C-alpha atoms as a PDB file:
ATOM      1  CA  MET A   1      -0.026  -0.019   0.009  1.00  0.00           C
ATOM      2  CA  LYS A   2       1.413   3.320  -1.097  1.00  0.00           C
ATOM      3  CA  GLN A   3       1.786   5.881   1.648  1.00  0.00           C
ATOM      4  CA  THR A   4       0.403   9.267   0.635  1.00  0.00           C
ATOM      5  CA  ARG A   5       2.050  11.465   3.280  1.00  0.00           C
ATOM      6  CA  LYS A   6       5.749  12.027   3.267  1.00  0.00           C
ATOM      7  CA  PRO A   7       7.309  10.330   6.333  1.00  0.00           C
ATOM      8  CA  VAL A   8       9.159  12.551   8.780  1.00  0.00           C
ATOM      9  CA  HIS A   9      12.951  12.672   8.364  1.00  0.00           C
ATOM     10  CA  PRO A  10      14.659  10.828  11.310  1.00  0.00           C
ATOM     11  CA  GLY A  11      16.793  13.885  11.813  1.00  0.00           C
ATOM     12  CA  LYS A  12      13.714  15.982  12.670  1.00  0.00           C
ATOM     13  CA  VAL A  13      12.576  13.284  15.065  1.00  0.00           C
ATOM     14  CA  PHE A  14      16.053  13.286  16.664  1.00  0.00           C
ATOM     15  CA  LEU A  15      16.030  17.083  16.982  1.00  0.00           C
ATOM     16  CA  GLU A  16      12.482  17.381  18.365  1.00  0.00           C
ATOM     17  CA  ASP A  17      12.272  14.280  20.507  1.00  0.00           C
ATOM     18  CA  VAL A  18      15.872  14.079  21.839  1.00  0.00           C
ATOM     19  CA  LEU A  19      17.844  17.235  21.527  1.00  0.00           C
ATOM     20  CA  VAL A  20      15.184  19.775  22.392  1.00  0.00           C
ATOM     21  CA  PRO A  21      13.835  17.977  25.478  1.00  0.00           C
ATOM     22  CA  LEU A  22      17.382  17.474  26.705  1.00  0.00           C
ATOM     23  CA  ASN A  23      18.259  21.039  25.969  1.00  0.00           C
ATOM     24  CA  LEU A  24      21.282  19.903  23.930  1.00  0.00           C
ATOM     25  CA  THR A  25      22.831  22.070  21.194  1.00  0.00           C
ATOM     26  CA  ILE A  26      23.911  20.609  17.898  1.00  0.00           C
ATOM     27  CA  THR A  27      27.528  21.228  18.941  1.00  0.00           C
ATOM     28  CA  ASP A  28      27.116  19.471  22.301  1.00  0.00           C
ATOM     29  CA  ALA A  29      25.206  16.524  20.825  1.00  0.00           C
ATOM     30  CA  ALA A  30      27.774  16.096  18.030  1.00  0.00           C
ATOM     31  CA  ALA A  31      30.568  15.937  20.641  1.00  0.00           C
ATOM     32  CA  LEU A  32      28.635  13.322  22.578  1.00  0.00           C
ATOM     33  CA  LEU A  33      28.027  11.269  19.432  1.00  0.00           C
ATOM     34  CA  GLY A  34      31.681  11.570  18.343  1.00  0.00           C
ATOM     35  CA  ILE A  35      30.859  13.285  15.053  1.00  0.00           C
ATOM     36  CA  THR A  36      31.346  16.729  13.645  1.00  0.00           C
ATOM     37  CA  ARG A  37      28.884  19.521  14.154  1.00  0.00           C
ATOM     38  CA  LYS A  38      28.430  19.818  10.385  1.00  0.00           C
ATOM     39  CA  THR A  39      27.501  16.104  10.092  1.00  0.00           C
ATOM     40  CA  LEU A  40      24.834  16.373  12.767  1.00  0.00           C
ATOM     41  CA  SER A  41      23.548  19.719  11.506  1.00  0.00           C
ATOM     42  CA  GLU A  42      23.066  18.254   7.996  1.00  0.00           C
ATOM     43  CA  PHE A  43      21.220  15.235   9.503  1.00  0.00           C
ATOM     44  CA  VAL A  44      18.850  17.156  11.777  1.00  0.00           C
ATOM     45  CA  ASN A  45      18.066  19.625   8.948  1.00  0.00           C
ATOM     46  CA  GLY A  46      17.198  16.813   6.568  1.00  0.00           C
ATOM     47  CA  LYS A  47      20.071  17.461   4.198  1.00  0.00           C
ATOM     48  CA  SER A  48      21.553  14.031   4.697  1.00  0.00           C
ATOM     49  CA  ALA A  49      20.088  10.579   5.165  1.00  0.00           C
ATOM     50  CA  LEU A  50      20.644   8.507   8.252  1.00  0.00           C
ATOM     51  CA  SER A  51      23.518   6.048   7.797  1.00  0.00           C
ATOM     52  CA  PRO A  52      23.720   2.739   9.566  1.00  0.00           C
ATOM     53  CA  VAL A  53      26.768   4.015  11.593  1.00  0.00           C
ATOM     54  CA  MET A  54      24.886   7.187  12.621  1.00  0.00           C
ATOM     55  CA  ALA A  55      21.918   5.008  13.618  1.00  0.00           C
ATOM     56  CA  LEU A  56      24.214   2.901  15.788  1.00  0.00           C
ATOM     57  CA  ARG A  57      25.673   6.022  17.414  1.00  0.00           C
ATOM     58  CA  ILE A  58      22.278   7.544  18.161  1.00  0.00           C
ATOM     59  CA  ALA A  59      20.945   4.203  19.424  1.00  0.00           C
ATOM     60  CA  LYS A  60      23.852   3.772  21.804  1.00  0.00           C
ATOM     61  CA  ALA A  61      23.661   7.365  23.099  1.00  0.00           C
ATOM     62  CA  THR A  62      19.863   7.283  23.554  1.00  0.00           C
ATOM     63  CA  HIS A  63      19.438   3.674  24.702  1.00  0.00           C
ATOM     64  CA  THR A  64      17.186   2.959  21.688  1.00  0.00           C
ATOM     65  CA  THR A  65      17.698   0.624  18.747  1.00  0.00           C
ATOM     66  CA  ALA A  66      19.474   1.305  15.468  1.00  0.00           C
ATOM     67  CA  GLU A  67      16.638  -0.561  13.751  1.00  0.00           C
ATOM     68  CA  SER A  68      14.062   1.890  14.999  1.00  0.00           C
ATOM     69  CA  TRP A  69      16.052   4.829  13.557  1.00  0.00           C
ATOM     70  CA  LEU A  70      16.781   2.989  10.280  1.00  0.00           C
ATOM     71  CA  THR A  71      13.132   2.109   9.859  1.00  0.00           C
ATOM     72  CA  MET A  72      12.285   5.795   9.841  1.00  0.00           C
ATOM     73  CA  GLN A  73      14.879   6.414   7.149  1.00  0.00           C
ATOM     74  CA  ILE A  74      13.790   3.439   5.025  1.00  0.00           C
ATOM     75  CA  LYS A  75      10.179   4.577   5.085  1.00  0.00           C
ATOM     76  CA  ARG A  76      11.203   8.071   3.995  1.00  0.00           C
ATOM     77  CA  THR A  77      13.604   6.802   1.301  1.00  0.00           C
ATOM     78  CA  LEU A  78      11.010   4.408  -0.088  1.00  0.00           C
ATOM     79  CA  TRP A  79       8.347   7.142  -0.140  1.00  0.00           C
ATOM     80  CA  GLU A  80      10.753   9.432  -2.086  1.00  0.00           C
ATOM     81  CA  ALA A  81      11.479   6.624  -4.610  1.00  0.00           C
ATOM     82  CA  GLU A  82       7.736   5.949  -5.055  1.00  0.00           C
ATOM     83  CA  GLN A  83       7.267   9.489  -6.283  1.00  0.00           C
ATOM     84  CA  TYR A  84       8.961   8.553  -9.544  1.00  0.00           C
ATOM     85  CA  GLU A  85       7.236   6.651 -12.285  1.00  0.00           C
ATOM     86  CA  LEU A  86       9.089   3.432 -13.013  1.00  0.00           C
ATOM     87  CA  SER A  87       8.954   2.428 -16.620  1.00  0.00           C
ATOM     88  CA  GLY A  88      10.373  -0.350 -18.779  1.00  0.00           C
ATOM     89  CA  ILE A  89       9.765  -3.047 -16.136  1.00  0.00           C
ATOM     90  CA  LYS A  90       8.287  -6.363 -17.241  1.00  0.00           C
ATOM     91  CA  ASP A  91       7.193  -9.225 -15.043  1.00  0.00           C
ATOM     92  CA  PHE A  92       9.521 -12.159 -14.592  1.00  0.00           C
ATOM     93  CA  PRO A  93       8.194 -15.388 -16.086  1.00  0.00           C
ATOM     94  CA  GLN A  94       6.370 -17.505 -13.552  1.00  0.00           C
ATOM     95  CA  VAL A  95       8.156 -20.637 -12.328  1.00  0.00           C
ATOM     96  CA  GLY A  96       6.557 -23.840 -13.574  1.00  0.00           C
ATOM     97  CA  VAL A  97       4.318 -22.047 -16.070  1.00  0.00           C
ATOM     98  CA  SER A  98       4.997 -22.568 -19.769  1.00  0.00           C
ATOM     99  CA  ALA A  99       4.117 -19.918 -22.270  1.00  0.00           C
END
């Protein structure tokens, strides 16, 4: 089933649900995650996708799971891909069915 509404970027979730309640700046959070301020800024501003390594860092720092963060990214990435019309695709032949 195709989702009609664009899923929220995981960076926005991280910003609003983690950084803001903890009163952490991008600079402070980046230092705690062991990454550059620029890297974190691009992520929370939706300019970069969540990588598996970043998901692991966030999960460890927040006592959550990398899978939960990556699921958000996968949903968004798939939604973005579904916005394009795919053409030139033909069905594979069915196994055990002769033409």
